[in-house]
């Protein structure tokens, strides 16, 4: 390719700046986090027990999310590369196949969660009060998990095509409806009965159903080549293989993480209700700190995927470092701020002095942990966007189960450091993986993993 043509191509693709892709994702991730935050905040008016119970259920449900999130992740990467390669028909077929696969997975998982909810909950040795809260929440929210499967899939597809604002608008609508639903059911406002945990579950389920309807409408407005009904019915091996080639290894990493988190959660339940409630509150506060990192990782996955699809591998290599630097700076600033205001933040949720004191220490450790987690999120998403999905899984499983879980038990239970020891184990795990991922990107072995070849139109763009 002549030098002038290569320069024009680079400039054209680079117009899709990382900032333009990421800022709506930042709002969307912030709103998703705010939705969880508002659930915990409003449930704190019911009791610390209600918060602890729903925290346990959500950990189980997060584990289930992984079983269908892999299709969404795989579809997002493949769609982004096809967008960069300027193959709109392939984008539509990939999207249709992913939606069908995840709808079937979602329905299956919903049934499994409801039918086997008692064996799942029995793993955590909850007292009768917590178990009653957890049971009803799992029936309502777990039974409608297939809607979350659809939300994740269409979110990923729309974002990969560049329609990140649409996803942001849906997330905003879900937040408004969720907060309103929580308010009327928890406090009995506007003539509604006070349903407590049951009301929160109903509000969550209704929001998700309405979001699915809105997302399908947006999907058909934004897709360049209209998806036909037969595209949903006829799964094509070429596209399914690419989706699964990225999604399955990526899901392996997430599955390993959530399984390890559930295992550590069992350790935390051995420490008592104070430690369990502190963990739930701390995670929700710390989620405010990772919003930007998560947004950057999503944005990087889309941006790097499109650059790679267009054949701009050198530019993709440089852009990852630029994105990582920004994410790390923000993580350090946010982490320090939360660590310095820890006690005040915990008083928003509880008056228990033991929870407040323990939580303040956890936030200090969280500030040290966050740069490591940020590195993981951004670099692994970039590697996945190129097609290099297997290596992060191998390292992730090795570190989570070889370091995080056993070290959490030793420090937290055996040596008696409790929740503080558990968080120190998390910190060591995140930093080790971040360093390994950094050198993986630097090695540029991902260049041989690209899934899609650019068309002549994309080459000359």
Foldseek 3Di string as FASTA:
>chain_A
DDPVLVVVLVVVLCVCPLCLLQPLLLLLLLLVLVLLVLLLLLLLVVHLLLLLLVLLLVLVVLLLCLQLLLLQLLLLLVLLLCLLLVPLVLLQLLLLQSLLVLLVSQQVQLVVQLVCVVVSVVLQVDDPVSVVLNNLLSNLQSNLRSLVSLLSNLCSSCSLNRNSNLSSVLSVVLSVQLSVQSVCQCVVPPPRHNDRSNSSSVSNNVSSVVSSVSSVVVSQVPRPDGHDPVSNVDRDPLSVCSSCLLSVLQSLLSSLVSVLVSLLSSVQVVVDSLSSSLVSLLVSLLSSLCSSLLSLLSSLLSSLLSCVSLVNNVVNLVVLVVSLVVSLVSSLVSLVVCLVCQLVSVVSSDPDPSSSVVNSLLSNLSSLQRNLQSLVSSLQSSLSSLQNRNVLSVLSNCLSVVFLRVQLCCQQPVVPPNPSSNSVSSSVSSNVSSVVSVVVSVVVPSSVRHDHHRDPVSSSD
